Amino acid sequence: MTDTQAPLSTAILNLLQGQLESLILAFTPAHSPIEEQYLLSRLGLKLHSDTLQSADLARFQQHFVLYHLLYRIQQHWLAQRHGYLAIGLAKLQLLPLTQALPPDSDAGRQDYYLNWQNFYAMTEQLLDQHLDAFWQQLQRPTVQVNAMAHNQALALLGLPASFTPQQLKKAYRTKALQLHPDRGGEQQQFILLQQAYQQLQQPG
């Protein structure tokens, strides 16, 4: 862990950690996946900034604090033999301890979120680069564009007949986060969404 000062006091971080532990332990059914958005909404995490910042950067900072606390809980519960908190993309799951612990596949992410320097190092420009890379990776499993009615594609993305490229991109990103299989969505619905997006990107 780093000596860089956290954006919240130790007392507040400890209070938030206690609330998070209670939320995870009270989640039913036990050992089922818990969405990041559920924890953020229940935690009511608010961070104050002296500088004007975008909504995306504010969301990143909330996400960072949440995951910092989750990795602290993961280490604490492992030390107590309470269970293994499997932390994934936008969701987590408390697993009972077995003889063999899951492979330490997220050690890099753990180091990232436990280091407050990474919280302060994120800028608007760097975040834009990270988000662009994320969306390119999300679109990487390119699907073959099958014939889809133009009106059906518009309906899938909730777009009017006349839309701008910015509206198309925003609608796709919003729906993709809702329907992505890693966030509990159905694979087939996500494939249809990709098809609709690719079709509406075509000129004419």
Protein backbone atom coordinates (compact mmCIF):
# COMPACT_ATOMS: atom_id res chain seq x y z
CA MET A 1 0.00 0.00 0.00
CA THR A 2 1.13 3.55 -0.61
CA ASP A 3 1.74 6.47 1.72
CA THR A 4 -0.16 8.83 -0.60
CA GLN A 5 -2.97 10.48 1.36
CA ALA A 6 -6.44 9.09 0.68
CA PRO A 7 -9.20 11.43 -0.54
CA LEU A 8 -11.21 10.57 2.59
CA SER A 9 -10.17 10.43 6.24
CA THR A 10 -9.23 7.11 7.82
CA ALA A 11 -12.33 7.26 10.03
CA ILE A 12 -14.65 7.71 7.04
CA LEU A 13 -12.91 4.97 5.06
CA ASN A 14 -13.25 2.59 8.02
CA LEU A 15 -16.94 3.50 8.36
CA LEU A 16 -17.54 2.90 4.64
CA GLN A 17 -15.65 -0.40 4.84
CA GLY A 18 -17.89 -1.53 7.69
CA GLN A 19 -21.01 -0.58 5.73
CA LEU A 20 -19.72 -2.45 2.68
CA GLU A 21 -18.99 -5.57 4.71
CA SER A 22 -22.54 -5.47 6.11
CA LEU A 23 -24.04 -5.02 2.62
CA ILE A 24 -22.08 -7.96 1.22
CA LEU A 25 -22.86 -10.27 4.15
CA ALA A 26 -26.56 -9.35 4.12
CA PHE A 27 -26.93 -9.85 0.35
CA THR A 28 -29.29 -12.68 -0.53
CA PRO A 29 -29.12 -15.31 -1.77
CA ALA A 30 -25.75 -15.89 -0.14
CA HIS A 31 -22.75 -16.32 -2.46
CA SER A 32 -24.61 -14.82 -5.43
CA PRO A 33 -22.98 -12.09 -7.58
CA ILE A 34 -23.40 -8.50 -6.40
CA GLU A 35 -23.41 -5.64 -8.93
CA GLU A 36 -21.08 -2.68 -8.45
CA GLN A 37 -23.98 -0.29 -9.11
CA TYR A 38 -25.99 -1.85 -6.26
CA LEU A 39 -23.16 -1.26 -3.79
CA LEU A 40 -22.58 2.33 -4.98
CA SER A 41 -26.28 3.18 -4.68
CA ARG A 42 -26.59 1.65 -1.20
CA LEU A 43 -23.34 3.20 0.00
CA GLY A 44 -24.28 6.71 -1.16
CA LEU A 45 -20.61 7.52 -1.70
CA LYS A 46 -20.03 11.24 -2.30
CA LEU A 47 -16.65 12.78 -3.07
CA HIS A 48 -16.06 16.52 -3.10
CA SER A 49 -13.64 18.17 -5.50
CA ASP A 50 -12.31 21.72 -5.49
CA THR A 51 -11.95 21.62 -9.28
CA LEU A 52 -14.56 21.32 -12.00
CA GLN A 53 -14.60 17.77 -13.37
CA SER A 54 -16.64 15.70 -15.79
CA ALA A 55 -19.29 13.21 -14.73
CA ASP A 56 -17.05 10.43 -16.07
CA LEU A 57 -14.13 11.44 -13.85
CA ALA A 58 -16.44 11.74 -10.82
CA ARG A 59 -17.76 8.22 -11.53
CA PHE A 60 -14.19 6.90 -11.88
CA GLN A 61 -13.28 8.36 -8.48
CA GLN A 62 -16.33 6.74 -6.82
CA HIS A 63 -15.49 3.46 -8.54
CA PHE A 64 -11.86 3.69 -7.38
CA VAL A 65 -12.79 4.29 -3.74
CA LEU A 66 -15.29 1.42 -3.84
CA TYR A 67 -12.75 -1.02 -5.29
CA HIS A 68 -10.05 0.18 -2.90
CA LEU A 69 -12.37 -0.74 -0.03
CA LEU A 70 -13.34 -4.06 -1.64
CA TYR A 71 -9.70 -5.13 -1.94
CA ARG A 72 -9.12 -4.12 1.68
CA ILE A 73 -12.09 -6.30 2.65
CA GLN A 74 -10.76 -9.13 0.46
CA GLN A 75 -7.43 -9.10 2.32
CA HIS A 76 -9.09 -8.76 5.74
CA TRP A 77 -11.52 -11.65 5.20
CA LEU A 78 -8.80 -13.88 3.79
CA ALA A 79 -6.64 -13.24 6.86
CA GLN A 80 -9.62 -14.12 9.07
CA ARG A 81 -10.43 -17.22 6.94
CA HIS A 82 -13.92 -15.79 6.53
CA GLY A 83 -14.14 -16.36 2.78
CA TYR A 84 -12.73 -15.23 -0.55
CA LEU A 85 -14.19 -12.07 -2.09
CA ALA A 86 -13.91 -12.61 -5.85
CA ILE A 87 -13.82 -9.14 -7.40
CA GLY A 88 -14.62 -8.95 -11.09
CA LEU A 89 -15.69 -6.45 -13.73
CA ALA A 90 -18.56 -4.46 -12.19
CA LYS A 91 -19.53 -7.35 -9.89
CA LEU A 92 -18.20 -9.37 -6.99
CA GLN A 93 -19.02 -12.55 -5.13
CA LEU A 94 -18.20 -13.88 -1.66
CA LEU A 95 -17.04 -17.46 -2.02
CA PRO A 96 -16.55 -19.96 0.79
CA LEU A 97 -12.91 -20.83 1.42
CA THR A 98 -11.78 -24.15 -0.01
CA GLN A 99 -8.51 -26.01 0.44
CA ALA A 100 -7.06 -24.24 -2.60
CA LEU A 101 -7.61 -20.53 -3.01
CA PRO A 102 -8.59 -19.23 -6.46
CA PRO A 103 -5.58 -18.27 -8.59
CA ASP A 104 -4.27 -14.80 -7.86
CA SER A 105 -5.37 -13.55 -11.29
CA ASP A 106 -6.32 -10.05 -10.21
CA ALA A 107 -3.12 -9.19 -8.32
CA GLY A 108 -2.43 -6.37 -10.77
CA ARG A 109 -5.87 -4.86 -10.23
CA GLN A 110 -5.50 -5.26 -6.47
CA ASP A 111 -2.19 -3.36 -6.52
CA TYR A 112 -3.77 -0.67 -8.70
CA TYR A 113 -6.77 -0.01 -6.45
CA LEU A 114 -4.83 -0.18 -3.20
CA ASN A 115 -2.47 2.58 -4.38
CA TRP A 116 -3.99 6.05 -3.91
CA GLN A 117 -1.45 7.49 -6.38
CA ASN A 118 -3.52 5.93 -9.16
CA PHE A 119 -6.61 7.76 -7.87
CA TYR A 120 -4.86 11.13 -8.18
CA ALA A 121 -3.03 10.27 -11.42
CA MET A 122 -6.25 9.92 -13.41
CA THR A 123 -6.95 12.98 -15.55
CA GLU A 124 -9.81 13.80 -17.92
CA GLN A 125 -7.57 13.10 -20.93
CA LEU A 126 -6.23 9.82 -19.53
CA LEU A 127 -9.75 8.71 -18.61
CA ASP A 128 -10.94 9.40 -22.17
CA GLN A 129 -8.11 7.18 -23.45
CA HIS A 130 -9.04 4.40 -21.00
CA LEU A 131 -12.73 4.62 -21.92
CA ASP A 132 -11.95 4.52 -25.65
CA ALA A 133 -9.76 1.44 -25.12
CA PHE A 134 -12.52 -0.18 -23.02
CA TRP A 135 -15.16 0.38 -25.70
CA GLN A 136 -12.86 -0.89 -28.46
CA GLN A 137 -12.26 -4.04 -26.44
CA LEU A 138 -15.99 -4.40 -25.79
CA GLN A 139 -16.68 -4.23 -29.52
CA ARG A 140 -13.82 -6.58 -30.42
CA PRO A 141 -15.90 -9.76 -30.73
CA THR A 142 -17.30 -8.32 -33.94
CA VAL A 143 -20.45 -10.05 -35.05
CA GLN A 144 -21.43 -10.60 -38.63
CA VAL A 145 -24.01 -8.00 -39.55
CA ASN A 146 -27.13 -9.87 -40.54
CA ALA A 147 -29.97 -8.17 -42.33
CA MET A 148 -31.91 -6.23 -39.71
CA ALA A 149 -34.74 -3.83 -40.42
CA HIS A 150 -33.65 -0.21 -39.96
CA ASN A 151 -36.62 0.41 -37.67
CA GLN A 152 -35.68 -2.62 -35.56
CA ALA A 153 -32.13 -1.32 -35.15
CA LEU A 154 -33.47 2.10 -34.12
CA ALA A 155 -35.85 0.49 -31.62
CA LEU A 156 -33.08 -1.64 -30.07
CA LEU A 157 -31.03 1.48 -29.42
CA GLY A 158 -34.00 3.70 -28.56
CA LEU A 159 -33.09 6.23 -31.23
CA PRO A 160 -35.27 8.58 -33.31
CA ALA A 161 -35.31 8.22 -37.11
CA SER A 162 -32.96 11.19 -37.37
CA PHE A 163 -29.98 10.84 -35.02
CA THR A 164 -26.44 12.16 -34.75
CA PRO A 165 -23.28 10.01 -34.48
CA GLN A 166 -22.92 11.26 -30.90
CA GLN A 167 -26.47 10.09 -30.05
CA LEU A 168 -25.74 6.70 -31.62
CA LYS A 169 -22.52 6.25 -29.63
CA LYS A 170 -24.14 7.33 -26.35
CA ALA A 171 -27.18 5.07 -26.87
CA TYR A 172 -24.95 2.10 -27.69
CA ARG A 173 -22.72 2.59 -24.66
CA THR A 174 -25.68 2.90 -22.32
CA LYS A 175 -27.38 -0.24 -23.66
CA ALA A 176 -24.11 -2.20 -23.86
CA LEU A 177 -23.46 -1.67 -20.16
CA GLN A 178 -26.98 -2.92 -19.40
CA LEU A 179 -26.84 -5.97 -21.66
CA HIS A 180 -23.20 -7.08 -21.48
CA PRO A 181 -22.96 -10.72 -20.29
CA ASP A 182 -20.30 -9.75 -17.72
CA ARG A 183 -22.96 -7.59 -16.07
CA GLY A 184 -25.67 -10.24 -16.09
CA GLY A 185 -27.10 -9.55 -19.54
CA GLU A 186 -28.09 -12.15 -22.13
CA GLN A 187 -25.50 -13.01 -24.78
CA GLN A 188 -28.09 -13.05 -27.59
CA GLN A 189 -29.46 -9.60 -26.70
CA PHE A 190 -25.93 -8.22 -26.62
CA ILE A 191 -25.19 -9.69 -30.06
CA LEU A 192 -28.36 -8.12 -31.46
CA LEU A 193 -27.34 -4.78 -29.97
CA GLN A 194 -23.93 -5.01 -31.66
CA GLN A 195 -25.60 -5.83 -34.96
CA ALA A 196 -27.92 -2.83 -34.64
CA TYR A 197 -25.02 -0.53 -33.78
CA GLN A 198 -22.88 -1.71 -36.67
CA GLN A 199 -25.78 -1.39 -39.09
CA LEU A 200 -26.62 2.18 -38.02
CA GLN A 201 -22.96 3.14 -38.36
CA GLN A 202 -23.12 2.38 -42.07
CA PRO A 203 -23.76 5.44 -44.30
CA GLY A 204 -27.02 5.66 -46.20
